[in-house]
Protein backbone atom coordinates (compact mmCIF):
# COMPACT_ATOMS: atom_id res chain seq x y z
CA MET A 1 0.00 0.00 0.00
CA ILE A 2 1.43 3.36 -0.97
CA ALA A 3 1.92 6.25 1.40
CA SER A 4 -0.70 8.93 1.73
CA LEU A 5 -0.65 11.43 -1.10
CA THR A 6 0.19 14.96 -0.03
CA SER A 7 -0.56 18.24 -1.67
CA THR A 8 3.10 19.24 -1.50
CA VAL A 9 4.20 16.55 -3.96
CA PRO A 10 3.93 17.65 -7.58
CA ALA A 11 0.98 16.10 -9.34
CA LEU A 12 3.08 14.63 -12.12
CA LEU A 13 5.17 12.63 -9.65
CA ARG A 14 2.02 11.18 -8.11
CA THR A 15 0.44 10.04 -11.35
CA ALA A 16 1.88 6.53 -11.16
CA GLU A 17 0.84 6.18 -7.53
CA THR A 18 -2.84 6.81 -8.25
CA GLU A 19 -3.04 3.56 -10.18
CA ASP A 20 -2.75 1.50 -7.00
CA ILE A 21 -4.38 3.48 -4.24
CA GLY A 22 -5.88 1.87 -1.20
CA ASN A 23 -6.22 -1.83 -0.50
CA PRO A 24 -8.39 -3.71 -3.04
CA TRP A 25 -9.35 -6.35 -0.47
CA VAL A 26 -10.61 -3.73 1.99
CA ASN A 27 -12.61 -2.10 -0.79
CA ILE A 28 -14.11 -5.44 -1.86
CA ALA A 29 -14.99 -6.31 1.75
CA ILE A 30 -16.85 -3.02 2.26
CA PHE A 31 -18.63 -3.42 -1.08
CA GLY A 32 -19.61 -6.97 -0.16
CA ALA A 33 -20.97 -5.90 3.24
CA PHE A 34 -23.16 -3.23 1.66
CA VAL A 35 -24.48 -5.56 -1.03
CA ALA A 36 -25.26 -8.27 1.55
CA ILE A 37 -27.15 -5.87 3.84
CA THR A 38 -29.19 -4.32 1.04
CA LEU A 39 -30.02 -7.72 -0.44
CA VAL A 40 -31.47 -8.80 2.92
CA ILE A 41 -33.60 -5.64 2.96
CA VAL A 42 -34.73 -6.24 -0.63
CA PHE A 43 -35.72 -9.83 0.13
CA ARG A 44 -37.70 -8.75 3.20
CA ALA A 45 -39.47 -6.01 1.26
CA SER A 46 -40.32 -8.38 -1.60
CA ARG A 47 -42.51 -10.59 0.57
CA ASN A 48 -45.44 -8.19 0.10
CA ASN A 49 -45.18 -7.97 -3.70
CA LYS A 50 -48.50 -9.54 -4.65
CA THR A 51 -50.06 -7.15 -7.17
CA ALA A 52 -48.98 -4.84 -9.99
CA ALA A 53 -49.46 -1.86 -7.63
CA ASP A 54 -47.07 -3.52 -5.16
CA TYR A 55 -44.43 -4.21 -7.82
CA TYR A 56 -44.65 -0.87 -9.68
CA ALA A 57 -45.68 1.58 -6.96
CA ALA A 58 -44.75 -0.16 -3.67
CA GLY A 59 -48.43 -0.37 -2.76
CA ARG A 60 -48.46 3.46 -2.43
CA SER A 61 -47.26 2.90 1.13
CA PHE A 62 -44.44 5.45 1.53
CA THR A 63 -44.76 8.77 3.36
CA GLY A 64 -43.69 12.09 1.85
CA PRO A 65 -40.39 12.27 3.79
CA GLN A 66 -39.58 8.64 2.95
CA ASN A 67 -40.36 9.14 -0.72
CA GLY A 68 -38.51 12.47 -0.79
CA THR A 69 -35.42 10.74 0.60
CA ALA A 70 -35.82 7.98 -2.00
CA ILE A 71 -36.18 10.60 -4.76
CA ALA A 72 -32.93 12.17 -3.56
CA GLY A 73 -31.37 8.70 -3.63
CA ASP A 74 -32.68 8.17 -7.16
CA TYR A 75 -31.61 11.61 -8.38
CA LEU A 76 -28.18 11.86 -6.73
CA SER A 77 -26.62 9.45 -9.16
CA ALA A 78 -23.05 8.72 -10.16
CA ALA A 79 -23.24 11.94 -12.17
CA SER A 80 -23.87 13.95 -9.02
CA PHE A 81 -21.18 12.40 -6.86
CA LEU A 82 -18.47 11.27 -9.27
CA GLY A 83 -19.11 13.34 -12.38
CA ILE A 84 -19.79 16.74 -10.80
CA CYS A 85 -16.92 16.49 -8.29
CA GLY A 86 -14.64 15.67 -11.21
CA ALA A 87 -16.07 18.46 -13.37
CA ILE A 88 -15.49 21.03 -10.61
CA ALA A 89 -11.98 19.70 -9.91
CA ILE A 90 -11.02 20.05 -13.57
CA ASN A 91 -13.12 23.00 -14.78
CA GLY A 92 -13.89 24.84 -11.54
CA TYR A 93 -16.84 27.21 -11.71
CA ASP A 94 -18.11 25.81 -15.00
CA GLY A 95 -18.27 22.32 -13.47
CA PHE A 96 -20.46 23.66 -10.64
CA LEU A 97 -23.00 24.76 -13.24
CA TYR A 98 -24.09 21.11 -13.43
CA SER A 99 -25.06 21.27 -9.75
CA ILE A 100 -26.99 24.50 -10.25
CA GLY A 101 -28.85 23.12 -13.27
CA PHE A 102 -29.77 19.84 -11.57
CA LEU A 103 -31.12 21.68 -8.50
CA VAL A 104 -33.06 24.45 -10.27
CA ALA A 105 -34.73 21.76 -12.36
CA TRP A 106 -36.60 20.58 -9.26
CA LEU A 107 -38.52 23.83 -9.09
CA VAL A 108 -40.01 23.02 -12.50
CA ALA A 109 -40.95 19.55 -11.28
CA LEU A 110 -42.46 20.90 -8.05
CA LEU A 111 -44.46 23.76 -9.53
CA LEU A 112 -45.68 22.15 -12.75
CA VAL A 113 -45.91 18.38 -12.60
CA ALA A 114 -45.51 16.58 -9.25
CA GLU A 115 -49.00 16.88 -7.77
CA LEU A 116 -50.81 16.85 -11.12
CA LEU A 117 -49.08 13.67 -12.25
CA ARG A 118 -49.75 11.92 -8.95
CA ASN A 119 -53.46 12.70 -9.26
CA THR A 120 -53.84 11.71 -12.90
CA GLY A 121 -51.84 8.52 -13.38
CA ARG A 122 -51.42 5.09 -11.85
CA PHE A 123 -48.00 3.60 -12.61
CA THR A 124 -46.27 5.34 -15.55
CA MET A 125 -45.94 8.65 -17.36
CA ALA A 126 -48.00 7.25 -20.24
CA ASP A 127 -51.03 6.95 -17.94
CA VAL A 128 -51.10 10.75 -17.84
CA LEU A 129 -50.28 11.40 -21.50
CA SER A 130 -52.92 8.98 -22.77
CA PHE A 131 -55.68 10.00 -20.34
CA ARG A 132 -57.57 12.15 -22.85
CA LEU A 133 -55.88 11.01 -26.07
CA LYS A 134 -55.93 7.84 -28.15
CA GLN A 135 -54.51 5.12 -25.97
CA ARG A 136 -52.42 2.82 -28.14
CA PRO A 137 -50.36 5.26 -30.25
CA VAL A 138 -49.70 7.63 -27.33
CA ARG A 139 -48.73 4.83 -24.94
CA MET A 140 -46.39 3.37 -27.54
CA ALA A 141 -44.69 6.73 -28.13
CA ALA A 142 -44.43 7.45 -24.40
CA ALA A 143 -42.99 3.99 -23.70
CA LEU A 144 -40.37 4.34 -26.44
CA ALA A 145 -39.37 7.76 -25.09
CA THR A 146 -39.14 6.31 -21.57
CA LEU A 147 -36.97 3.41 -22.70
CA THR A 148 -34.64 5.78 -24.57
CA VAL A 149 -34.19 8.12 -21.60
CA VAL A 150 -33.56 5.17 -19.30
CA PHE A 151 -30.97 3.74 -21.70
CA PHE A 152 -28.94 6.97 -21.78
CA TYR A 153 -29.15 7.29 -18.01
CA LEU A 154 -28.03 3.69 -17.57
CA LEU A 155 -25.01 4.36 -19.81
CA ALA A 156 -23.89 7.04 -17.36
CA GLN A 157 -24.30 4.82 -14.31
CA MET A 158 -22.47 1.89 -15.91
CA ALA A 159 -19.63 4.16 -17.04
CA GLY A 160 -19.39 5.47 -13.47
CA ALA A 161 -19.26 1.92 -12.11
CA GLY A 162 -16.50 0.94 -14.50
CA GLY A 163 -14.38 3.97 -13.66
CA LEU A 164 -14.89 3.70 -9.91
CA VAL A 165 -14.06 0.04 -9.51
CA ALA A 166 -11.20 0.32 -12.01
CA LEU A 167 -9.65 2.91 -9.71
CA LEU A 168 -10.19 0.86 -6.55
CA LEU A 169 -8.92 -2.43 -7.93
CA GLY A 170 -6.15 -0.85 -10.00
CA VAL A 171 -7.46 -2.32 -13.27
CA ASP A 172 -7.00 -0.23 -16.36
CA GLY A 173 -7.81 -2.68 -19.15
CA THR A 174 -10.98 -2.61 -21.21
CA ALA A 175 -11.76 -6.27 -20.53
CA ALA A 176 -11.39 -5.89 -16.75
CA GLN A 177 -13.57 -2.79 -16.63
CA GLY A 178 -16.11 -4.54 -18.85
CA LEU A 179 -16.26 -7.38 -16.32
CA VAL A 180 -16.90 -4.84 -13.54
CA ILE A 181 -19.78 -3.34 -15.52
CA ALA A 182 -21.22 -6.83 -16.07
CA VAL A 183 -21.16 -7.52 -12.30
CA VAL A 184 -22.97 -4.24 -11.60
CA GLY A 185 -25.56 -5.14 -14.22
CA ALA A 186 -26.12 -8.58 -12.69
CA LEU A 187 -26.62 -7.10 -9.20
CA MET A 188 -29.04 -4.55 -10.63
CA ILE A 189 -31.10 -7.31 -12.26
CA LEU A 190 -31.22 -9.23 -8.98
CA TYR A 191 -32.37 -6.19 -6.94
CA VAL A 192 -35.23 -5.37 -9.30
CA LEU A 193 -36.34 -8.93 -10.03
CA VAL A 194 -36.70 -9.67 -6.33
CA GLY A 195 -37.62 -6.39 -4.68
CA GLY A 196 -39.73 -4.45 -7.17
CA MET A 197 -40.39 -0.81 -6.35
CA LYS A 198 -40.63 -1.40 -2.60
CA GLY A 199 -37.21 -3.05 -2.33
CA THR A 200 -35.71 -0.50 -4.71
CA THR A 201 -37.13 2.37 -2.67
CA TRP A 202 -35.59 1.13 0.58
CA VAL A 203 -32.21 0.73 -1.13
CA GLN A 204 -32.52 4.31 -2.41
CA ILE A 205 -33.41 5.64 1.05
CA ILE A 206 -30.41 3.90 2.65
CA LYS A 207 -28.14 5.04 -0.13
CA ALA A 208 -29.32 8.68 0.10
CA VAL A 209 -28.64 8.79 3.85
CA LEU A 210 -25.18 7.23 3.40
CA LEU A 211 -24.27 9.46 0.45
CA ILE A 212 -25.29 12.73 2.08
CA ALA A 213 -23.68 11.75 5.41
CA GLY A 214 -20.47 10.67 3.66
CA ALA A 215 -20.35 13.87 1.61
CA ALA A 216 -20.94 15.93 4.79
CA VAL A 217 -18.05 14.23 6.59
CA MET A 218 -15.71 14.76 3.65
CA THR A 219 -16.82 18.39 3.27
CA LEU A 220 -16.04 19.18 6.91
CA TRP A 221 -12.74 17.30 6.61
CA VAL A 222 -11.72 19.28 3.52
CA LEU A 223 -12.65 22.61 5.12
CA ALA A 224 -10.69 21.64 8.23
CA GLN A 225 -7.58 21.27 6.07
CA PHE A 226 -7.91 24.99 5.25
CA GLY A 227 -8.97 26.29 8.67
CA PHE A 228 -12.63 26.33 7.60
CA ASN A 229 -11.78 29.21 5.29
CA PHE A 230 -13.35 28.70 1.85
CA SER A 231 -11.14 31.41 0.33
CA ASP A 232 -8.03 29.48 1.36
CA LEU A 233 -9.52 26.36 -0.23
CA LEU A 234 -10.02 28.22 -3.51
CA GLN A 235 -6.45 29.54 -3.29
CA GLY A 236 -5.23 25.98 -2.81
CA ALA A 237 -7.03 24.92 -5.99
CA ILE A 238 -5.51 27.87 -7.87
CA ASP A 239 -2.01 27.02 -6.63
CA MET A 240 -2.33 23.34 -7.56
CA ALA A 241 -3.56 24.22 -11.06
CA GLY A 242 -0.28 26.00 -11.81
CA GLU A 243 0.04 28.72 -14.43
CA GLY A 244 -3.30 30.33 -15.21
CA GLY A 245 -4.85 28.64 -12.18
CA GLU A 246 -7.17 31.59 -11.52
CA ALA A 247 -9.36 30.20 -14.31
CA VAL A 248 -10.74 27.52 -11.97
CA ILE A 249 -12.63 30.12 -9.92
CA GLU A 250 -13.81 32.20 -12.87
CA PRO A 251 -16.64 31.52 -15.34
CA GLY A 252 -15.63 30.39 -18.79
CA LYS A 253 -12.89 27.78 -18.32
CA GLN A 254 -14.96 25.18 -20.13
CA TYR A 255 -17.83 27.13 -21.68
CA GLY A 256 -16.32 30.54 -22.35
CA VAL A 257 -13.51 29.67 -24.74
CA SER A 258 -15.52 30.42 -27.89
CA ALA A 259 -18.98 31.34 -29.11
CA MET A 260 -19.68 27.64 -29.73
CA SER A 261 -18.73 26.68 -26.19
CA GLN A 262 -21.14 29.35 -24.92
CA LEU A 263 -23.90 27.86 -27.08
CA ASN A 264 -22.96 24.46 -25.65
CA PHE A 265 -23.50 25.84 -22.17
CA LEU A 266 -26.86 27.35 -23.09
CA SER A 267 -27.93 24.02 -24.57
CA LEU A 268 -26.73 22.14 -21.50
CA ALA A 269 -28.54 24.52 -19.14
CA LEU A 270 -31.80 24.18 -21.06
CA ALA A 271 -31.57 20.38 -20.95
CA LEU A 272 -30.75 20.24 -17.22
CA VAL A 273 -33.43 22.70 -16.09
CA LEU A 274 -36.25 21.23 -18.20
CA GLY A 275 -35.17 17.60 -18.19
CA THR A 276 -36.01 16.63 -14.61
CA ALA A 277 -39.75 17.23 -15.09
CA GLY A 278 -39.64 14.73 -17.95
CA LEU A 279 -37.49 12.01 -16.37
CA PRO A 280 -39.73 8.91 -16.22
CA HIS A 281 -37.93 7.25 -13.29
CA VAL A 282 -38.37 10.42 -11.19
CA LEU A 283 -42.00 10.90 -12.24
CA MET A 284 -42.78 7.29 -11.37
CA ARG A 285 -41.74 7.89 -7.77
CA PHE A 286 -44.76 10.17 -7.25
CA TYR A 287 -47.02 7.12 -7.54
CA THR A 288 -45.51 5.46 -4.45
CA VAL A 289 -47.26 7.87 -2.03
CA PRO A 290 -50.93 7.65 -1.00
CA THR A 291 -52.00 11.27 -1.64
CA ALA A 292 -51.14 14.38 -3.64
CA LYS A 293 -50.20 16.15 -0.41
CA GLU A 294 -47.55 13.49 0.22
CA ALA A 295 -46.33 13.95 -3.36
CA ARG A 296 -45.77 17.65 -2.67
CA ARG A 297 -44.01 16.84 0.62
CA SER A 298 -41.83 14.37 -1.30
CA VAL A 299 -40.57 17.08 -3.63
CA VAL A 300 -39.94 19.58 -0.82
CA TRP A 301 -37.88 17.00 1.08
CA ALA A 302 -36.04 16.07 -2.10
CA ILE A 303 -35.19 19.72 -2.86
CA TRP A 304 -33.72 20.25 0.61
CA LEU A 305 -31.66 17.07 0.54
CA ILE A 306 -30.47 17.55 -3.03
CA GLY A 307 -29.68 21.25 -2.47
CA ILE A 308 -27.57 20.51 0.60
CA PHE A 309 -25.71 17.77 -1.25
CA TYR A 310 -24.90 20.02 -4.21
CA LEU A 311 -23.39 22.59 -1.84
CA PHE A 312 -21.15 19.79 -0.60
CA THR A 313 -20.04 19.04 -4.18
CA LEU A 314 -18.66 22.57 -4.48
CA VAL A 315 -16.32 21.99 -1.53
CA LEU A 316 -15.47 18.43 -2.61
CA GLY A 317 -14.69 19.44 -6.18
CA TYR A 318 -12.40 22.29 -5.19
CA GLY A 319 -10.99 20.12 -2.42
CA ALA A 320 -9.99 17.49 -4.98
CA ALA A 321 -8.44 20.21 -7.13
CA ALA A 322 -6.45 21.59 -4.17
CA LEU A 323 -5.39 18.37 -2.43
CA VAL A 324 -5.11 15.89 -5.32
CA GLY A 325 -4.61 18.08 -8.35
CA PRO A 326 -6.18 18.01 -11.84
CA GLU A 327 -3.25 16.17 -13.44
CA ALA A 328 -3.37 13.29 -10.96
CA ILE A 329 -7.15 13.03 -11.37
CA LYS A 330 -7.00 12.89 -15.16
CA ALA A 331 -4.20 10.31 -15.03
CA ALA A 332 -6.10 7.95 -12.68
CA PRO A 333 -7.74 4.79 -14.16
CA GLY A 334 -11.22 6.28 -13.70
CA GLY A 335 -10.22 9.63 -15.18
CA VAL A 336 -12.32 12.64 -14.22
CA ASN A 337 -14.79 10.40 -12.37
CA SER A 338 -12.04 9.47 -9.87
CA ALA A 339 -11.87 12.89 -8.17
CA ALA A 340 -14.08 12.06 -5.16
CA PRO A 341 -12.45 8.66 -4.38
CA LEU A 342 -8.96 10.14 -4.75
CA LEU A 343 -9.93 12.95 -2.39
CA ALA A 344 -11.23 10.41 0.13
CA TYR A 345 -7.90 8.57 -0.01
CA GLU A 346 -6.02 11.84 0.38
CA LEU A 347 -8.00 12.69 3.51
CA GLY A 348 -8.47 9.41 5.33
CA GLY A 349 -6.45 6.72 3.61
CA THR A 350 -7.65 3.22 2.82
CA ILE A 351 -10.66 3.03 5.15
CA LEU A 352 -12.26 6.33 4.11
CA LEU A 353 -11.58 5.49 0.47
CA GLY A 354 -13.30 2.13 0.91
CA LEU A 355 -16.30 3.67 2.69
CA ILE A 356 -16.79 6.53 0.24
CA SER A 357 -16.32 4.23 -2.73
CA ALA A 358 -18.85 1.79 -1.28
CA VAL A 359 -21.29 4.70 -0.99
CA ALA A 360 -20.59 5.64 -4.61
CA PHE A 361 -21.07 2.02 -5.62
CA ALA A 362 -24.36 1.99 -3.66
CA THR A 363 -25.34 5.15 -5.50
CA ILE A 364 -24.90 3.43 -8.83
CA LEU A 365 -26.75 0.28 -7.78
CA ALA A 366 -29.71 2.20 -6.35
CA VAL A 367 -30.07 4.45 -9.40
CA VAL A 368 -29.79 1.66 -11.96
CA ALA A 369 -32.38 -0.33 -10.01
CA GLY A 370 -34.79 2.61 -10.13
CA LEU A 371 -34.15 3.12 -13.83
CA THR A 372 -34.62 -0.54 -14.62
CA ILE A 373 -37.95 -0.90 -12.84
CA THR A 374 -39.18 2.23 -14.63
CA ALA A 375 -38.27 0.77 -18.02
CA ALA A 376 -39.77 -2.60 -17.12
CA ALA A 377 -43.02 -0.99 -15.95
CA SER A 378 -43.20 1.11 -19.09
CA PHE A 379 -42.79 -1.88 -21.40
CA ALA A 380 -45.04 -4.26 -19.46
CA HIS A 381 -47.77 -1.78 -18.52
CA ASP A 382 -47.82 0.46 -21.61
CA ILE A 383 -46.67 -1.70 -24.51
CA TYR A 384 -47.51 -5.27 -23.49
CA ALA A 385 -50.69 -4.81 -21.42
CA SER A 386 -52.21 -1.76 -23.13
CA VAL A 387 -51.03 -1.98 -26.75
CA ILE A 388 -50.41 -5.67 -27.44
CA LYS A 389 -53.06 -7.15 -25.13
CA HIS A 390 -55.54 -4.22 -25.37
CA GLY A 391 -55.77 -4.04 -21.58
CA GLU A 392 -56.92 -7.65 -21.26
CA VAL A 393 -54.16 -9.10 -19.14
CA LYS A 394 -53.99 -10.30 -15.57
CA PRO A 395 -51.83 -8.26 -13.17
CA ASP A 396 -49.59 -11.24 -12.41
CA GLY A 397 -49.04 -11.75 -16.16
CA GLU A 398 -48.06 -8.10 -16.51
CA VAL A 399 -45.59 -8.37 -13.62
CA ARG A 400 -44.09 -11.53 -15.16
CA VAL A 401 -43.45 -9.65 -18.41
CA ALA A 402 -41.94 -6.79 -16.40
CA ARG A 403 -39.48 -9.19 -14.79
CA ILE A 404 -38.46 -10.60 -18.18
CA THR A 405 -37.97 -7.03 -19.39
CA VAL A 406 -35.66 -6.35 -16.42
CA VAL A 407 -33.28 -9.07 -17.63
CA VAL A 408 -33.27 -7.78 -21.23
CA ILE A 409 -32.69 -4.17 -20.15
CA GLY A 410 -29.91 -5.27 -17.81
CA ILE A 411 -28.08 -7.03 -20.64
CA LEU A 412 -28.45 -4.01 -22.96
CA ALA A 413 -27.22 -1.70 -20.18
CA ILE A 414 -24.13 -3.83 -19.68
CA ILE A 415 -23.28 -3.75 -23.40
CA GLY A 416 -23.92 0.00 -23.67
CA GLY A 417 -21.98 0.70 -20.48
CA ILE A 418 -18.90 -1.03 -21.86
CA PHE A 419 -18.96 1.26 -24.90
CA ALA A 420 -19.56 4.39 -22.77
CA ASN A 421 -16.80 3.55 -20.27
CA GLY A 422 -14.43 6.47 -19.78
CA GLN A 423 -16.95 9.23 -20.55
CA ASN A 424 -17.67 11.86 -17.89
CA VAL A 425 -20.84 10.55 -16.27
CA ALA A 426 -22.27 14.02 -15.55
CA PHE A 427 -22.11 14.76 -19.26
CA LEU A 428 -23.75 11.45 -20.20
CA VAL A 429 -26.62 12.15 -17.80
CA ALA A 430 -27.04 15.57 -19.41
CA LEU A 431 -27.79 13.76 -22.68
CA ALA A 432 -30.51 11.76 -20.91
CA PHE A 433 -31.95 15.03 -19.63
CA ALA A 434 -31.97 16.41 -23.19
CA VAL A 435 -33.92 13.38 -24.44
CA ALA A 436 -36.39 13.67 -21.53
CA ALA A 437 -36.92 17.40 -22.07
CA SER A 438 -37.37 16.92 -25.83
CA ALA A 439 -39.52 13.79 -25.98
CA ASN A 440 -41.55 13.99 -22.74
CA LEU A 441 -41.87 17.44 -21.22
CA PRO A 442 -43.72 19.26 -24.04
CA THR A 443 -46.39 16.55 -24.22
CA ILE A 444 -46.76 16.44 -20.42
CA LEU A 445 -47.31 20.20 -20.21
CA TYR A 446 -49.62 20.33 -23.22
CA SER A 447 -51.67 17.41 -21.89
CA LEU A 448 -52.11 19.03 -18.50
CA PHE A 449 -52.68 22.64 -19.51
CA TRP A 450 -53.84 22.94 -23.17
CA LYS A 451 -57.49 22.10 -23.85
CA ARG A 452 -57.13 21.89 -27.65
CA PHE A 453 -54.14 19.51 -27.57
CA ASN A 454 -54.86 16.26 -29.43
CA THR A 455 -53.33 12.89 -30.28
CA SER A 456 -51.52 14.09 -33.42
CA GLY A 457 -49.93 16.92 -31.48
CA ALA A 458 -48.71 14.45 -28.88
CA LEU A 459 -47.24 12.08 -31.47
CA TRP A 460 -45.59 14.88 -33.45
CA SER A 461 -44.08 16.28 -30.25
CA MET A 462 -42.88 12.98 -28.77
CA TYR A 463 -41.53 11.37 -31.93
CA GLY A 464 -40.21 14.65 -33.32
CA GLY A 465 -38.43 15.52 -30.08
CA LEU A 466 -37.09 12.00 -29.62
CA ILE A 467 -35.86 11.48 -33.19
CA SER A 468 -34.34 14.96 -33.57
CA CYS A 469 -32.52 14.58 -30.24
CA LEU A 470 -31.11 11.16 -31.13
CA VAL A 471 -30.02 12.27 -34.61
CA LEU A 472 -28.32 15.37 -33.23
CA ILE A 473 -26.50 13.26 -30.63
CA ALA A 474 -25.41 10.71 -33.27
CA PHE A 475 -23.92 13.43 -35.46
CA SER A 476 -22.38 15.45 -32.63
CA PRO A 477 -18.80 15.49 -31.28
CA VAL A 478 -20.04 13.30 -28.41
CA VAL A 479 -20.01 10.26 -30.70
CA SER A 480 -17.11 11.08 -33.03
CA GLY A 481 -14.48 13.67 -33.73
CA LYS A 482 -13.96 15.25 -30.30
CA VAL A 483 -10.22 15.37 -29.55
CA ASP A 484 -8.26 16.60 -26.54
CA PRO A 485 -6.25 19.55 -27.91
CA VAL A 486 -3.35 18.82 -25.55
CA THR A 487 -2.91 15.04 -25.85
CA GLY A 488 -4.66 14.40 -29.16
CA ALA A 489 -6.65 11.58 -27.53
CA SER A 490 -10.25 10.97 -28.55
CA LEU A 491 -12.86 12.26 -26.08
CA SER A 492 -15.80 10.80 -28.01
CA MET A 493 -17.62 7.50 -27.56
CA ILE A 494 -15.75 6.22 -30.62
CA LYS A 495 -12.17 6.06 -29.36
CA ASN A 496 -10.54 6.05 -32.81
CA THR A 497 -9.46 9.61 -33.58
CA ASP A 498 -9.47 8.87 -37.34
CA ILE A 499 -13.25 8.31 -37.33
CA ASP A 500 -15.13 11.58 -37.53
CA PHE A 501 -18.64 11.94 -38.95
CA HIS A 502 -19.94 14.70 -36.70
CA LEU A 503 -21.99 17.34 -38.51
CA ILE A 504 -23.37 19.37 -35.60
CA PRO A 505 -20.89 21.25 -33.35
CA LEU A 506 -23.30 21.26 -30.37
CA GLU A 507 -22.39 18.63 -27.78
CA ASN A 508 -25.81 18.72 -26.12
CA PRO A 509 -28.76 18.92 -28.55
CA GLY A 510 -31.24 20.53 -26.13
CA LEU A 511 -31.00 24.01 -27.66
CA ILE A 512 -32.43 22.68 -30.93
CA SER A 513 -34.50 19.62 -30.02
CA ILE A 514 -36.46 21.05 -27.04
CA PRO A 515 -37.92 24.14 -28.80
CA LEU A 516 -38.51 21.95 -31.87
CA ALA A 517 -40.55 19.47 -29.81
CA PHE A 518 -42.72 22.26 -28.37
CA LEU A 519 -43.24 23.68 -31.87
CA LEU A 520 -44.10 20.28 -33.35
CA GLY A 521 -46.72 19.75 -30.65
CA ILE A 522 -48.42 22.98 -31.70
CA LEU A 523 -48.14 22.27 -35.44
CA GLY A 524 -49.41 18.71 -35.09
CA THR A 525 -52.41 19.89 -33.09
CA TYR A 526 -53.45 22.64 -35.52
CA ILE A 527 -52.73 20.76 -38.76
CA SER A 528 -54.44 17.54 -37.70
CA LYS A 529 -58.16 16.94 -38.05
CA ASP A 530 -58.16 14.96 -34.81
CA GLY A 531 -60.63 16.52 -32.45
CA SER A 532 -59.86 17.06 -28.81
CA SER A 533 -62.32 15.94 -26.15
CA PRO A 534 -63.47 18.85 -23.93
CA GLU A 535 -65.20 16.37 -21.61
CA LYS A 536 -62.04 14.33 -21.14
CA TYR A 537 -59.98 17.49 -20.61
CA ALA A 538 -62.44 18.70 -17.99
CA GLU A 539 -62.30 15.33 -16.23
CA MET A 540 -58.50 15.37 -16.33
CA GLU A 541 -58.38 18.94 -15.03
CA VAL A 542 -60.63 18.12 -12.07
CA ARG A 543 -58.68 14.96 -11.27
CA SER A 544 -55.26 16.60 -11.60
CA LEU A 545 -56.23 19.53 -9.34
CA THR A 546 -58.31 17.69 -6.74
CA GLY A 547 -57.22 14.05 -6.90
CA ALA A 548 -60.88 12.95 -7.22
CA GLY A 549 -60.96 9.44 -8.65
CA SER A 550 -57.19 9.09 -8.85
CA GLU A 551 -57.12 5.91 -6.77
CA LYS A 552 -59.31 4.19 -9.34
CA ALA A 553 -57.65 5.58 -12.44
CA SER A 554 -58.47 3.49 -15.43
CA VAL A 555 -55.78 1.89 -17.54
CA HIS A 556 -58.17 2.06 -20.48
């Protein structure tokens, strides 16, 4: 085991050391203990999974504070802990913009959708979108959008898992990291197959408490290193960055270099702020509480917990920059995503590294479990039960299909995660937010608030937003052609620097695809001869505002 890293040793001399930090056996033991404890909880929770409502919505048995904590556990993903800490450590102020965007987004969810969705739907987002529109085409479109968002989100979590465990076990080969991702995928499948939403929720609650407590301890520890003076911490980050280090505390290090980078920031901000209200795995959590009042309490609790955590990330990110150094972070096996674990090792050695990494690992497991059950519910409830079987299916048959879907999604997530390994997970999640804001949010808002909105408008908006977003991503520098100007290494998903087919300079497509989806919803509504149903809209308005009849919502 190597000696503790110190901020006085030049970062370049420490690069080799970061490849073998901590004790792999201690890390594995702590991981194993967490997995064993949570599996026991999942098995105990699964004993009451008898109906579709139990499997999808945990029997609507959670209180507002419990669900709010679970939402925080669902939302504070690998992007929040690993990706944002790394982004702040490398890019300073511009990295913190991720935290601001993720938090502000909750105000949109609280003010516009949380209570209304809880009152109108049963299990999935499509329940709301199809309430007053034609069932089969709208459910199919909503389910496809849900599955796409979940896939992009899962890529981020799997990439985070690969980078984290690669750092802890000192493995830097593609095959070894691929094996790690496969193990995470297998555990995820087991959690969701056995526990359903109830087991997943308890894992998320435990993980949220551990993550926020761990981040709080590290934050106080970092501040103590600088006499609890935040200005001294910032000066330490500037000093460690070397020449031009002042850039880490000023806006523009990442997004102010050129006019295109400023457009990239605007696009990213739009996706982050509007994306949360369209994230299907977050929206699905509102169905696990018994009343709309508890749904509102859920969001208030979530905002407080998430807001406090994101303040911690500011200290942790700059702490990693000051105590570990950007060069050592970028040279570590997990790359940018290694900032928080490296900081933990710098502060408390092997034990703190193992504990914090176990929390990060728990973060990934809890989030992928929530994502997977959302995708499974969407396919089984919206596509299989409502579209293929026309609503004539027994609840136990629907749950059986959902469990089969969990296995398929898990395998696809493993394959996709292997390809996405090495990408900054905060950035990958931002792509999921862009898809959610483009494909889901316009139709949700139009369905809830626009009386004239009809089925064609919904389909134009969902498919137009989804397809335009995916095409823009495929032909963006995220997939091909993005090169590190210093090293010449590829920063895209395709690692070969000779392959470049990007046509759009924007790295996040939200600036184009989100307004386009809103516009297509309007055009589709006015051009189409489909009539809207004033009676259905009136019924939906009463239900969404009062909750009357929500407990017996029809699946049509």
